[in-house]
Amino acid sequence: MRKLAVVLLVITGIYSCSKTGGNTLINGRIKGLNKGQLLLQKIEDTSLISIDSVRIYESPEFSFSLDLAEPEVLYLALKFDDSITQTRYMPFFAEAGGLEIQTSLKGFGFDQTITGSKNQNTWNEFKLLQSRYNDKQLELIQAELIASQNNSIQETKSIQQQREKLLRARYLATVNFAKNHNDLPLAPYLMLAEIPEINLKYHDTIYKLLTPEIKNSKYGKALELFMNQQKDSIL
């Protein structure tokens, strides 16, 4: 899964007891999980840090409470007690209020239902849009592999051109999606997380279209900083 190029990723384990109070309550259930540790994490200074944790014993339910200054992408990290199974991660767009997360041990990190967050709902729409491009990309990769094995130079070249065209279409679809949701923190987040390598003019275009509130948000400021850094590197 692609993540924010400007903010990825060193894992730090900071454990704390579950807190009470706060303007954001996250409740959830991980079907099939009987034992393990669940950490609530966020990105800070290019590192993924833990801000709370709970132990899971037999009951698959969990709850976190925290103060959230603004909508932000948080992560649930599922750690297992054995030293073999790798930690699994689930990103989600948290907002002040009540969030409900329903998933399973088998589907943790890629198959979940999250309610209570407008940004998350819109993010889900974006992922559905992107899945169509990803599916087509996989088809072309397979076709290119077959053409290469058959030593079909012309067909291989044609498929490569189709892949490049599809990539440009995916980039522009992301830009258009951000443009249509310029009143959500998700918009600058997508520009940074999904297409940091696109021509800087697109970042600049989206930034100018952001509402004043979003420009002043965490990801709006991050987008502005990213653009300034890129401009300085060109000089």
C-alpha atoms as a PDB file:
ATOM      1  CA  MET A   1       0.000   0.000   0.000  1.00  0.00           C
ATOM      2  CA  ARG A   2       1.362   3.402  -0.971  1.00  0.00           C
ATOM      3  CA  LYS A   3       1.878   5.894   1.799  1.00  0.00           C
ATOM      4  CA  LEU A   4       2.808   9.505   2.198  1.00  0.00           C
ATOM      5  CA  ALA A   5       6.314   9.862   0.743  1.00  0.00           C
ATOM      6  CA  VAL A   6       7.050  12.850   2.940  1.00  0.00           C
ATOM      7  CA  VAL A   7       6.159  11.016   6.136  1.00  0.00           C
ATOM      8  CA  LEU A   8       7.146   7.358   5.883  1.00  0.00           C
ATOM      9  CA  LEU A   9       8.222   5.462   8.018  1.00  0.00           C
ATOM     10  CA  VAL A  10      10.160   4.455  11.166  1.00  0.00           C
ATOM     11  CA  ILE A  11       8.241   2.360  13.677  1.00  0.00           C
ATOM     12  CA  THR A  12       8.516   3.253  17.336  1.00  0.00           C
ATOM     13  CA  GLY A  13       6.782   1.403  20.132  1.00  0.00           C
ATOM     14  CA  ILE A  14       5.513   3.700  22.836  1.00  0.00           C
ATOM     15  CA  TYR A  15       3.093   1.861  25.096  1.00  0.00           C
ATOM     16  CA  SER A  16       0.498   3.482  27.288  1.00  0.00           C
ATOM     17  CA  CYS A  17      -2.584   2.543  29.193  1.00  0.00           C
ATOM     18  CA  SER A  18      -5.979   3.146  27.636  1.00  0.00           C
ATOM     19  CA  LYS A  19      -7.156   6.687  28.299  1.00  0.00           C
ATOM     20  CA  THR A  20     -10.538   8.098  29.179  1.00  0.00           C
ATOM     21  CA  GLY A  21     -12.026  11.378  28.058  1.00  0.00           C
ATOM     22  CA  GLY A  22     -11.265  13.190  24.824  1.00  0.00           C
ATOM     23  CA  ASN A  23     -13.357  14.411  21.916  1.00  0.00           C
ATOM     24  CA  THR A  24     -12.935  11.259  19.816  1.00  0.00           C
ATOM     25  CA  LEU A  25     -14.153   7.792  20.724  1.00  0.00           C
ATOM     26  CA  ILE A  26     -13.075   4.844  18.580  1.00  0.00           C
ATOM     27  CA  ASN A  27     -14.938   1.602  19.179  1.00  0.00           C
ATOM     28  CA  GLY A  28     -14.467  -1.559  17.216  1.00  0.00           C
ATOM     29  CA  ARG A  29     -14.472  -5.293  16.892  1.00  0.00           C
ATOM     30  CA  ILE A  30     -11.957  -7.658  15.297  1.00  0.00           C
ATOM     31  CA  LYS A  31     -13.838 -10.863  14.607  1.00  0.00           C
ATOM     32  CA  GLY A  32     -11.754 -13.963  15.246  1.00  0.00           C
ATOM     33  CA  LEU A  33      -9.100 -12.243  17.385  1.00  0.00           C
ATOM     34  CA  ASN A  34      -8.670 -13.852  20.797  1.00  0.00           C
ATOM     35  CA  LYS A  35      -5.311 -12.563  21.933  1.00  0.00           C
ATOM     36  CA  GLY A  36      -2.926  -9.799  20.968  1.00  0.00           C
ATOM     37  CA  GLN A  37      -2.074  -6.149  21.397  1.00  0.00           C
ATOM     38  CA  LEU A  38      -3.745  -3.330  19.493  1.00  0.00           C
ATOM     39  CA  LEU A  39      -1.930  -0.010  19.197  1.00  0.00           C
ATOM     40  CA  LEU A  40      -3.367   3.314  18.095  1.00  0.00           C
ATOM     41  CA  GLN A  41      -0.686   5.170  16.150  1.00  0.00           C
ATOM     42  CA  LYS A  42      -0.065   8.381  14.257  1.00  0.00           C
ATOM     43  CA  ILE A  43       2.709   9.820  12.112  1.00  0.00           C
ATOM     44  CA  GLU A  44       4.789  12.453  13.827  1.00  0.00           C
ATOM     45  CA  ASP A  45       8.075  13.883  12.532  1.00  0.00           C
ATOM     46  CA  THR A  46       8.312  11.183   9.828  1.00  0.00           C
ATOM     47  CA  SER A  47       7.862   8.409  12.417  1.00  0.00           C
ATOM     48  CA  LEU A  48       4.912   6.215  13.276  1.00  0.00           C
ATOM     49  CA  ILE A  49       4.425   6.477  17.039  1.00  0.00           C
ATOM     50  CA  SER A  50       1.960   4.828  19.394  1.00  0.00           C
ATOM     51  CA  ILE A  51      -0.396   7.087  21.327  1.00  0.00           C
ATOM     52  CA  ASP A  52      -2.429   4.395  23.079  1.00  0.00           C
ATOM     53  CA  SER A  53      -2.716   0.618  23.311  1.00  0.00           C
ATOM     54  CA  VAL A  54      -5.024  -2.105  24.596  1.00  0.00           C
ATOM     55  CA  ARG A  55      -4.611  -5.814  25.249  1.00  0.00           C
ATOM     56  CA  ILE A  56      -7.066  -8.189  23.606  1.00  0.00           C
ATOM     57  CA  TYR A  57      -8.039 -11.160  25.800  1.00  0.00           C
ATOM     58  CA  GLU A  58     -10.703 -13.453  24.336  1.00  0.00           C
ATOM     59  CA  SER A  59     -13.143 -10.586  23.670  1.00  0.00           C
ATOM     60  CA  PRO A  60     -12.545  -9.074  20.193  1.00  0.00           C
ATOM     61  CA  GLU A  61     -13.939  -5.642  21.143  1.00  0.00           C
ATOM     62  CA  PHE A  62     -11.704  -2.605  21.681  1.00  0.00           C
ATOM     63  CA  SER A  63     -12.070   1.071  22.501  1.00  0.00           C
ATOM     64  CA  PHE A  64      -9.834   4.150  22.362  1.00  0.00           C
ATOM     65  CA  SER A  65     -10.524   7.689  23.510  1.00  0.00           C
ATOM     66  CA  LEU A  66      -8.375  10.663  22.536  1.00  0.00           C
ATOM     67  CA  ASP A  67      -8.369  14.370  21.826  1.00  0.00           C
ATOM     68  CA  LEU A  68      -8.162  15.047  18.105  1.00  0.00           C
ATOM     69  CA  ALA A  69      -7.456  18.629  17.061  1.00  0.00           C
ATOM     70  CA  GLU A  70      -8.494  18.015  13.450  1.00  0.00           C
ATOM     71  CA  PRO A  71      -9.214  15.122  11.042  1.00  0.00           C
ATOM     72  CA  GLU A  72      -6.118  13.002  10.683  1.00  0.00           C
ATOM     73  CA  VAL A  73      -5.017   9.626   9.354  1.00  0.00           C
ATOM     74  CA  LEU A  74      -4.393   7.267  12.268  1.00  0.00           C
ATOM     75  CA  TYR A  75      -3.302   3.639  12.265  1.00  0.00           C
ATOM     76  CA  LEU A  76      -4.356   0.543  14.130  1.00  0.00           C
ATOM     77  CA  ALA A  77      -1.395  -1.781  14.571  1.00  0.00           C
ATOM     78  CA  LEU A  78      -2.175  -5.369  15.515  1.00  0.00           C
ATOM     79  CA  LYS A  79       0.732  -7.076  17.262  1.00  0.00           C
ATOM     80  CA  PHE A  80       0.765 -10.775  18.018  1.00  0.00           C
ATOM     81  CA  ASP A  81       2.281 -12.457  21.044  1.00  0.00           C
ATOM     82  CA  ASP A  82       4.392 -14.840  18.988  1.00  0.00           C
ATOM     83  CA  SER A  83       7.657 -13.722  17.393  1.00  0.00           C
ATOM     84  CA  ILE A  84       6.732 -15.029  13.934  1.00  0.00           C
ATOM     85  CA  THR A  85       3.560 -13.238  12.815  1.00  0.00           C
ATOM     86  CA  GLN A  86       4.254  -9.775  11.455  1.00  0.00           C
ATOM     87  CA  THR A  87       2.458  -6.719  12.818  1.00  0.00           C
ATOM     88  CA  ARG A  88      -0.512  -5.721  10.663  1.00  0.00           C
ATOM     89  CA  TYR A  89      -1.584  -2.143  10.025  1.00  0.00           C
ATOM     90  CA  MET A  90      -4.892  -0.469   9.254  1.00  0.00           C
ATOM     91  CA  PRO A  91      -4.917   3.229   8.273  1.00  0.00           C
ATOM     92  CA  PHE A  92      -8.127   5.200   8.709  1.00  0.00           C
ATOM     93  CA  PHE A  93      -9.185   8.847   8.622  1.00  0.00           C
ATOM     94  CA  ALA A  94     -10.256   9.790  12.131  1.00  0.00           C
ATOM     95  CA  GLU A  95     -12.475  12.742  13.026  1.00  0.00           C
ATOM     96  CA  ALA A  96     -13.788  14.153  16.280  1.00  0.00           C
ATOM     97  CA  GLY A  97     -16.877  12.303  17.440  1.00  0.00           C
ATOM     98  CA  GLY A  98     -17.658   8.606  17.442  1.00  0.00           C
ATOM     99  CA  LEU A  99     -16.060   6.135  15.041  1.00  0.00           C
ATOM    100  CA  GLU A 100     -16.966   2.481  14.663  1.00  0.00           C
ATOM    101  CA  ILE A 101     -14.552  -0.026  13.111  1.00  0.00           C
ATOM    102  CA  GLN A 102     -15.650  -3.544  12.203  1.00  0.00           C
ATOM    103  CA  THR A 103     -13.135  -5.990  10.746  1.00  0.00           C
ATOM    104  CA  SER A 104     -11.817  -9.508  11.184  1.00  0.00           C
ATOM    105  CA  LEU A 105      -8.524 -11.160  11.995  1.00  0.00           C
ATOM    106  CA  LYS A 106      -8.340 -12.528   8.461  1.00  0.00           C
ATOM    107  CA  GLY A 107      -9.227  -9.235   6.777  1.00  0.00           C
ATOM    108  CA  PHE A 108      -7.412  -6.825   9.085  1.00  0.00           C
ATOM    109  CA  GLY A 109      -5.855  -4.014   7.089  1.00  0.00           C
ATOM    110  CA  PHE A 110      -7.751  -4.482   3.818  1.00  0.00           C
ATOM    111  CA  ASP A 111     -11.321  -5.510   4.602  1.00  0.00           C
ATOM    112  CA  GLN A 112     -13.076  -3.327   7.157  1.00  0.00           C
ATOM    113  CA  THR A 113     -16.161  -1.187   7.649  1.00  0.00           C
ATOM    114  CA  ILE A 114     -15.580   2.224   9.232  1.00  0.00           C
ATOM    115  CA  THR A 115     -18.410   4.610  10.076  1.00  0.00           C
ATOM    116  CA  GLY A 116     -18.511   8.041  11.671  1.00  0.00           C
ATOM    117  CA  SER A 117     -15.948   9.835   9.464  1.00  0.00           C
ATOM    118  CA  LYS A 118     -16.818  11.876   6.369  1.00  0.00           C
ATOM    119  CA  ASN A 119     -13.191  11.846   5.229  1.00  0.00           C
ATOM    120  CA  GLN A 120     -13.067   8.056   5.570  1.00  0.00           C
ATOM    121  CA  ASN A 121     -16.253   7.649   3.547  1.00  0.00           C
ATOM    122  CA  THR A 122     -14.805   9.824   0.796  1.00  0.00           C
ATOM    123  CA  TRP A 123     -11.494   7.970   1.007  1.00  0.00           C
ATOM    124  CA  ASN A 124     -13.406   4.737   0.419  1.00  0.00           C
ATOM    125  CA  GLU A 125     -14.877   6.261  -2.747  1.00  0.00           C
ATOM    126  CA  PHE A 126     -11.380   7.147  -3.920  1.00  0.00           C
ATOM    127  CA  LYS A 127     -10.086   3.630  -3.244  1.00  0.00           C
ATOM    128  CA  LEU A 128     -12.933   2.178  -5.281  1.00  0.00           C
ATOM    129  CA  LEU A 129     -12.046   4.515  -8.147  1.00  0.00           C
ATOM    130  CA  GLN A 130      -8.379   3.561  -7.936  1.00  0.00           C
ATOM    131  CA  SER A 131      -9.141  -0.155  -7.827  1.00  0.00           C
ATOM    132  CA  ARG A 132     -10.384   0.052 -11.410  1.00  0.00           C
ATOM    133  CA  TYR A 133      -7.046   1.450 -12.557  1.00  0.00           C
ATOM    134  CA  ASN A 134      -5.165  -1.115 -10.476  1.00  0.00           C
ATOM    135  CA  ASP A 135      -7.145  -3.999 -11.964  1.00  0.00           C
ATOM    136  CA  LYS A 136      -6.466  -2.766 -15.490  1.00  0.00           C
ATOM    137  CA  GLN A 137      -2.788  -2.301 -14.666  1.00  0.00           C
ATOM    138  CA  LEU A 138      -2.536  -5.915 -13.512  1.00  0.00           C
ATOM    139  CA  GLU A 139      -4.172  -7.071 -16.757  1.00  0.00           C
ATOM    140  CA  LEU A 140      -1.631  -5.126 -18.794  1.00  0.00           C
ATOM    141  CA  ILE A 141       1.290  -6.428 -16.750  1.00  0.00           C
ATOM    142  CA  GLN A 142       0.163  -9.985 -17.385  1.00  0.00           C
ATOM    143  CA  ALA A 143      -0.309  -9.280 -21.093  1.00  0.00           C
ATOM    144  CA  GLU A 144       3.130  -7.687 -21.299  1.00  0.00           C
ATOM    145  CA  LEU A 145       4.711 -10.696 -19.638  1.00  0.00           C
ATOM    146  CA  ILE A 146       3.089 -13.050 -22.154  1.00  0.00           C
ATOM    147  CA  ALA A 147       4.121 -10.839 -25.079  1.00  0.00           C
ATOM    148  CA  SER A 148       7.683 -10.736 -23.787  1.00  0.00           C
ATOM    149  CA  GLN A 149       7.797 -14.511 -23.427  1.00  0.00           C
ATOM    150  CA  ASN A 150       6.595 -14.805 -27.042  1.00  0.00           C
ATOM    151  CA  ASN A 151       9.310 -12.360 -28.156  1.00  0.00           C
ATOM    152  CA  SER A 152       6.653 -10.078 -29.606  1.00  0.00           C
ATOM    153  CA  ILE A 153       8.532  -6.777 -29.571  1.00  0.00           C
ATOM    154  CA  GLN A 154       5.803  -4.684 -31.171  1.00  0.00           C
ATOM    155  CA  GLU A 155       3.083  -6.002 -28.890  1.00  0.00           C
ATOM    156  CA  THR A 156       5.277  -5.491 -25.833  1.00  0.00           C
ATOM    157  CA  LYS A 157       5.938  -1.907 -26.863  1.00  0.00           C
ATOM    158  CA  SER A 158       2.225  -1.303 -27.435  1.00  0.00           C
ATOM    159  CA  ILE A 159       1.318  -2.659 -24.011  1.00  0.00           C
ATOM    160  CA  GLN A 160       3.996  -0.516 -22.364  1.00  0.00           C
ATOM    161  CA  GLN A 161       2.493   2.540 -24.017  1.00  0.00           C
ATOM    162  CA  GLN A 162      -0.937   1.527 -22.723  1.00  0.00           C
ATOM    163  CA  ARG A 163       0.470   1.206 -19.215  1.00  0.00           C
ATOM    164  CA  GLU A 164       2.012   4.670 -19.400  1.00  0.00           C
ATOM    165  CA  LYS A 165      -1.282   6.101 -20.640  1.00  0.00           C
ATOM    166  CA  LEU A 166      -3.156   4.346 -17.845  1.00  0.00           C
ATOM    167  CA  LEU A 167      -0.724   5.726 -15.253  1.00  0.00           C
ATOM    168  CA  ARG A 168      -1.290   9.265 -16.506  1.00  0.00           C
ATOM    169  CA  ALA A 169      -5.031   8.690 -16.373  1.00  0.00           C
ATOM    170  CA  ARG A 170      -4.781   7.469 -12.778  1.00  0.00           C
ATOM    171  CA  TYR A 171      -2.744  10.537 -11.823  1.00  0.00           C
ATOM    172  CA  LEU A 172      -5.259  12.890 -13.412  1.00  0.00           C
ATOM    173  CA  ALA A 173      -8.160  11.042 -11.799  1.00  0.00           C
ATOM    174  CA  THR A 174      -6.516  11.613  -8.417  1.00  0.00           C
ATOM    175  CA  VAL A 175      -6.051  15.314  -9.161  1.00  0.00           C
ATOM    176  CA  ASN A 176      -9.675  15.609 -10.245  1.00  0.00           C
ATOM    177  CA  PHE A 177     -10.879  13.780  -7.145  1.00  0.00           C
ATOM    178  CA  ALA A 178      -8.895  16.132  -4.913  1.00  0.00           C
ATOM    179  CA  LYS A 179     -10.283  19.100  -6.838  1.00  0.00           C
ATOM    180  CA  ASN A 180     -13.852  17.920  -6.285  1.00  0.00           C
ATOM    181  CA  HIS A 181     -13.237  17.505  -2.534  1.00  0.00           C
ATOM    182  CA  ASN A 182     -11.223  20.655  -1.862  1.00  0.00           C
ATOM    183  CA  ASP A 183     -13.151  21.249   1.364  1.00  0.00           C
ATOM    184  CA  LEU A 184     -11.803  18.085   3.017  1.00  0.00           C
ATOM    185  CA  PRO A 185      -8.343  17.411   4.529  1.00  0.00           C
ATOM    186  CA  LEU A 186      -8.371  14.271   2.394  1.00  0.00           C
ATOM    187  CA  ALA A 187      -7.677  16.382  -0.715  1.00  0.00           C
ATOM    188  CA  PRO A 188      -4.133  17.546   0.176  1.00  0.00           C
ATOM    189  CA  TYR A 189      -3.467  14.181   1.811  1.00  0.00           C
ATOM    190  CA  LEU A 190      -4.138  12.375  -1.476  1.00  0.00           C
ATOM    191  CA  MET A 191      -1.857  14.706  -3.416  1.00  0.00           C
ATOM    192  CA  LEU A 192       0.967  13.885  -1.021  1.00  0.00           C
ATOM    193  CA  ALA A 193       0.279  10.219  -0.372  1.00  0.00           C
ATOM    194  CA  GLU A 194      -0.760   9.046  -3.828  1.00  0.00           C
ATOM    195  CA  ILE A 195       0.998  11.219  -6.410  1.00  0.00           C
ATOM    196  CA  PRO A 196       3.951  13.125  -4.892  1.00  0.00           C
ATOM    197  CA  GLU A 197       5.913  12.517  -8.116  1.00  0.00           C
ATOM    198  CA  ILE A 198       3.412  14.250 -10.414  1.00  0.00           C
ATOM    199  CA  ASN A 199       4.316  17.570 -12.023  1.00  0.00           C
ATOM    200  CA  LEU A 200       4.428  20.251  -9.338  1.00  0.00           C
ATOM    201  CA  LYS A 201       1.917  22.402 -11.224  1.00  0.00           C
ATOM    202  CA  TYR A 202      -0.840  19.972 -10.230  1.00  0.00           C
ATOM    203  CA  HIS A 203       0.039  20.258  -6.548  1.00  0.00           C
ATOM    204  CA  ASP A 204       0.015  24.028  -6.913  1.00  0.00           C
ATOM    205  CA  THR A 205      -3.361  23.955  -8.678  1.00  0.00           C
ATOM    206  CA  ILE A 206      -4.986  21.854  -5.967  1.00  0.00           C
ATOM    207  CA  TYR A 207      -3.433  23.898  -3.174  1.00  0.00           C
ATOM    208  CA  LYS A 208      -4.871  27.109  -4.627  1.00  0.00           C
ATOM    209  CA  LEU A 209      -8.315  25.494  -4.820  1.00  0.00           C
ATOM    210  CA  LEU A 210      -8.324  24.379  -1.168  1.00  0.00           C
ATOM    211  CA  THR A 211     -10.673  26.221   1.133  1.00  0.00           C
ATOM    212  CA  PRO A 212      -8.950  28.530   3.668  1.00  0.00           C
ATOM    213  CA  GLU A 213      -9.743  26.078   6.467  1.00  0.00           C
ATOM    214  CA  ILE A 214      -8.143  23.159   4.614  1.00  0.00           C
ATOM    215  CA  LYS A 215      -5.091  25.215   3.635  1.00  0.00           C
ATOM    216  CA  ASN A 216      -4.588  25.779   7.356  1.00  0.00           C
ATOM    217  CA  SER A 217      -5.039  22.085   8.212  1.00  0.00           C
ATOM    218  CA  LYS A 218      -2.249  19.610   8.929  1.00  0.00           C
ATOM    219  CA  TYR A 219      -2.236  18.204   5.408  1.00  0.00           C
ATOM    220  CA  GLY A 220      -2.805  21.592   3.772  1.00  0.00           C
ATOM    221  CA  LYS A 221       0.315  22.903   5.499  1.00  0.00           C
ATOM    222  CA  ALA A 222       2.183  19.727   4.601  1.00  0.00           C
ATOM    223  CA  LEU A 223       1.275  20.182   0.929  1.00  0.00           C
ATOM    224  CA  GLU A 224       2.491  23.785   1.006  1.00  0.00           C
ATOM    225  CA  LEU A 225       5.756  22.722   2.658  1.00  0.00           C
ATOM    226  CA  PHE A 226       6.231  19.931   0.113  1.00  0.00           C
ATOM    227  CA  MET A 227       5.774  22.357  -2.794  1.00  0.00           C
ATOM    228  CA  ASN A 228       8.216  24.863  -1.302  1.00  0.00           C
ATOM    229  CA  GLN A 229      10.811  22.118  -0.785  1.00  0.00           C
ATOM    230  CA  GLN A 230      10.391  20.925  -4.360  1.00  0.00           C
ATOM    231  CA  LYS A 231      10.737  24.456  -5.717  1.00  0.00           C
ATOM    232  CA  ASP A 232      13.888  25.014  -3.657  1.00  0.00           C
ATOM    233  CA  SER A 233      15.417  21.793  -4.976  1.00  0.00           C
ATOM    234  CA  ILE A 234      14.885  23.001  -8.557  1.00  0.00           C
ATOM    235  CA  LEU A 235      16.682  26.289  -7.971  1.00  0.00           C
END
